[in-house]
Amino acid sequence: MLGRGRLTETLRRTLRKRLTARVLLLSATVAVLLGTALGLLIVTVASQRGAAREALRSQEALTTASLLQGSLVRIENGVRGFVASGRERFLEPAGEALERYPDQLRRLDGLVSEEPLQRRTLSEGHLPGRSFEKRNHRDRRRRRRALGHGHWWRS
């Protein structure tokens, strides 16, 4: 019986060692999986922050482009009203819009400076305002020379 007790004790120790080894192995595996999941979450959150910043910047660029478009419409309507009626009061909103226009265009230029596709669109002049600004500047100089004084809309 004494031999049988030792055998049982030895068997228990062996099983305990195996069980302890299994628990340690399982714990290490769970720790590695949790660490990996936490690392992925950190990377995902960081990329989402970057995406949120980009979305905010794009929204600001769209708002600025919308302001530019409004300025162009005011300029166009003012000139059209002046040409149709000959009344200078139609040119006041156009003149104000012309004064704000370069600042709005610079702001848009700054907002899209990090986006290659938007940057190329602005630099190639595909934005309606870019070509308008170049044309308008050239036309204003011609009108000033033709009229012989500072403001092209005043006679």
Protein backbone atom coordinates (compact mmCIF):
# COMPACT_ATOMS: atom_id res chain seq x y z
CA MET A 1 0.00 0.00 0.00
CA LEU A 2 2.83 2.29 0.70
CA GLY A 3 4.08 1.87 -2.88
CA ARG A 4 0.67 2.55 -4.20
CA GLY A 5 0.46 5.88 -2.25
CA ARG A 6 3.75 7.01 -3.72
CA LEU A 7 2.57 6.15 -7.18
CA THR A 8 -0.60 8.13 -6.66
CA GLU A 9 1.39 11.09 -5.26
CA THR A 10 3.80 10.98 -8.22
CA LEU A 11 0.89 10.83 -10.63
CA ARG A 12 -0.75 13.84 -8.94
CA ARG A 13 2.48 15.86 -9.15
CA THR A 14 2.88 15.03 -12.82
CA LEU A 15 -0.70 16.02 -13.57
CA ARG A 16 -0.29 19.23 -11.58
CA LYS A 17 2.84 20.11 -13.54
CA ARG A 18 1.07 19.42 -16.81
CA LEU A 19 -1.98 21.36 -15.70
CA THR A 20 0.18 24.29 -14.52
CA ALA A 21 2.06 24.24 -17.81
CA ARG A 22 -1.22 24.24 -19.75
CA VAL A 23 -2.65 27.10 -17.69
CA LEU A 24 0.56 29.11 -18.18
CA LEU A 25 0.54 28.42 -21.90
CA LEU A 26 -3.14 29.35 -22.18
CA SER A 27 -2.57 32.53 -20.11
CA ALA A 28 0.37 33.55 -22.29
CA THR A 29 -1.68 32.94 -25.44
CA VAL A 30 -4.59 35.03 -24.12
CA ALA A 31 -2.17 37.81 -23.11
CA VAL A 32 -0.63 37.87 -26.60
CA LEU A 33 -4.08 37.93 -28.23
CA LEU A 34 -5.27 40.75 -25.97
CA GLY A 35 -2.07 42.72 -26.60
CA THR A 36 -2.48 42.30 -30.36
CA ALA A 37 -6.15 43.37 -30.18
CA LEU A 38 -5.22 46.42 -28.11
CA GLY A 39 -2.46 47.35 -30.56
CA LEU A 40 -4.87 47.07 -33.49
CA LEU A 41 -7.38 49.25 -31.67
CA ILE A 42 -4.75 51.91 -31.04
CA VAL A 43 -3.71 51.92 -34.71
CA THR A 44 -7.35 52.04 -35.84
CA VAL A 45 -8.19 54.95 -33.54
CA ALA A 46 -5.13 56.85 -34.73
CA SER A 47 -6.09 56.36 -38.37
CA GLN A 48 -9.67 57.40 -37.62
CA ARG A 49 -8.40 60.61 -36.09
CA GLY A 50 -6.45 61.31 -39.26
CA ALA A 51 -9.52 60.57 -41.35
CA ALA A 52 -11.61 62.89 -39.18
CA ARG A 53 -9.05 65.67 -39.65
CA GLU A 54 -9.12 65.13 -43.41
CA ALA A 55 -12.91 65.19 -43.44
CA LEU A 56 -12.97 68.43 -41.48
CA ARG A 57 -10.42 69.99 -43.82
CA SER A 58 -12.41 68.84 -46.86
CA GLN A 59 -15.57 70.32 -45.36
CA GLU A 60 -13.79 73.64 -44.82
CA ALA A 61 -12.56 73.53 -48.42
CA LEU A 62 -16.10 72.87 -49.68
CA THR A 63 -17.44 75.76 -47.61
CA THR A 64 -14.75 78.08 -48.95
CA ALA A 65 -15.42 76.92 -52.52
CA SER A 66 -19.10 77.63 -51.95
CA LEU A 67 -18.23 81.16 -50.77
CA LEU A 68 -16.14 81.60 -53.91
CA GLN A 69 -19.03 80.49 -56.03
CA GLY A 70 -21.32 82.96 -54.26
CA SER A 71 -18.83 85.74 -54.91
CA LEU A 72 -18.71 84.83 -58.59
CA VAL A 73 -22.51 84.87 -58.79
CA ARG A 74 -22.65 88.31 -57.12
CA ILE A 75 -20.02 89.61 -59.53
CA GLU A 76 -21.82 88.18 -62.53
CA ASN A 77 -25.22 89.48 -61.40
CA GLY A 78 -23.81 92.92 -60.66
CA VAL A 79 -22.17 93.23 -64.04
CA ARG A 80 -25.25 91.87 -65.78
CA GLY A 81 -27.49 94.33 -63.92
CA PHE A 82 -25.17 97.21 -64.77
CA VAL A 83 -24.97 96.27 -68.44
CA ALA A 84 -28.74 95.84 -68.68
CA SER A 85 -29.75 98.99 -66.80
CA GLY A 86 -26.69 101.24 -66.75
CA ARG A 87 -27.21 101.80 -63.01
CA GLU A 88 -24.02 101.78 -60.96
CA ARG A 89 -25.80 100.54 -57.84
CA PHE A 90 -25.69 97.04 -59.34
CA LEU A 91 -21.90 97.19 -59.26
CA GLU A 92 -21.60 97.75 -55.50
CA PRO A 93 -22.12 94.07 -54.52
CA ALA A 94 -19.88 93.06 -57.42
CA GLY A 95 -17.13 95.39 -56.21
CA GLU A 96 -17.39 94.04 -52.65
CA ALA A 97 -17.27 90.47 -53.94
CA LEU A 98 -14.24 91.32 -56.07
CA GLU A 99 -12.45 92.65 -53.00
CA ARG A 100 -13.15 89.49 -50.97
CA TYR A 101 -12.47 87.09 -53.81
CA PRO A 102 -8.61 86.94 -53.65
CA ASP A 103 -8.66 86.25 -49.90
CA GLN A 104 -11.22 83.50 -50.35
CA LEU A 105 -9.14 81.99 -53.13
CA ARG A 106 -5.97 82.07 -50.99
CA ARG A 107 -7.85 80.39 -48.14
CA LEU A 108 -9.03 77.64 -50.45
CA ASP A 109 -5.51 77.31 -51.80
CA GLY A 110 -4.21 76.81 -48.25
CA LEU A 111 -6.89 74.27 -47.38
CA VAL A 112 -6.14 72.00 -50.33
CA SER A 113 -2.37 72.31 -50.14
CA GLU A 114 -1.98 68.77 -48.73
CA GLU A 115 -4.32 67.02 -51.17
CA PRO A 116 -2.54 66.19 -54.46
CA LEU A 117 -5.66 65.86 -56.62
CA GLN A 118 -7.24 69.04 -55.29
CA ARG A 119 -3.88 70.82 -55.56
CA ARG A 120 -3.59 69.82 -59.22
CA THR A 121 -7.17 71.00 -59.87
CA LEU A 122 -6.38 74.41 -58.45
CA SER A 123 -3.02 74.77 -60.18
CA GLU A 124 -4.39 73.77 -63.58
CA GLY A 125 -7.11 76.38 -63.34
CA HIS A 126 -10.06 73.98 -63.42
CA LEU A 127 -11.66 75.94 -60.62
CA PRO A 128 -14.01 78.42 -62.27
CA GLY A 129 -12.75 81.21 -60.06
CA ARG A 130 -9.12 80.77 -61.09
CA SER A 131 -9.79 81.41 -64.75
CA PHE A 132 -12.23 84.18 -63.80
CA GLU A 133 -9.64 85.84 -61.59
CA LYS A 134 -7.02 85.81 -64.36
CA ARG A 135 -9.49 87.00 -66.99
CA ASN A 136 -10.98 89.63 -64.68
CA HIS A 137 -7.59 91.09 -63.79
CA ARG A 138 -6.65 91.37 -67.46
CA ASP A 139 -10.07 92.83 -68.40
CA ARG A 140 -9.96 95.37 -65.56
CA ARG A 141 -6.61 96.70 -66.78
CA ARG A 142 -7.98 97.05 -70.33
CA ARG A 143 -11.09 98.88 -69.13
CA ARG A 144 -9.06 101.23 -66.94
CA ARG A 145 -6.83 102.10 -69.88
CA ALA A 146 -9.83 102.56 -72.18
CA LEU A 147 -11.75 104.73 -69.70
CA GLY A 148 -8.68 106.58 -68.54
CA HIS A 149 -9.34 106.35 -64.80
CA GLY A 150 -9.11 104.07 -61.77
CA HIS A 151 -12.46 102.27 -61.53
CA TRP A 152 -13.63 100.48 -64.64
CA TRP A 153 -17.28 100.53 -63.61
CA ARG A 154 -17.51 104.27 -63.20
CA SER A 155 -17.86 106.54 -66.20
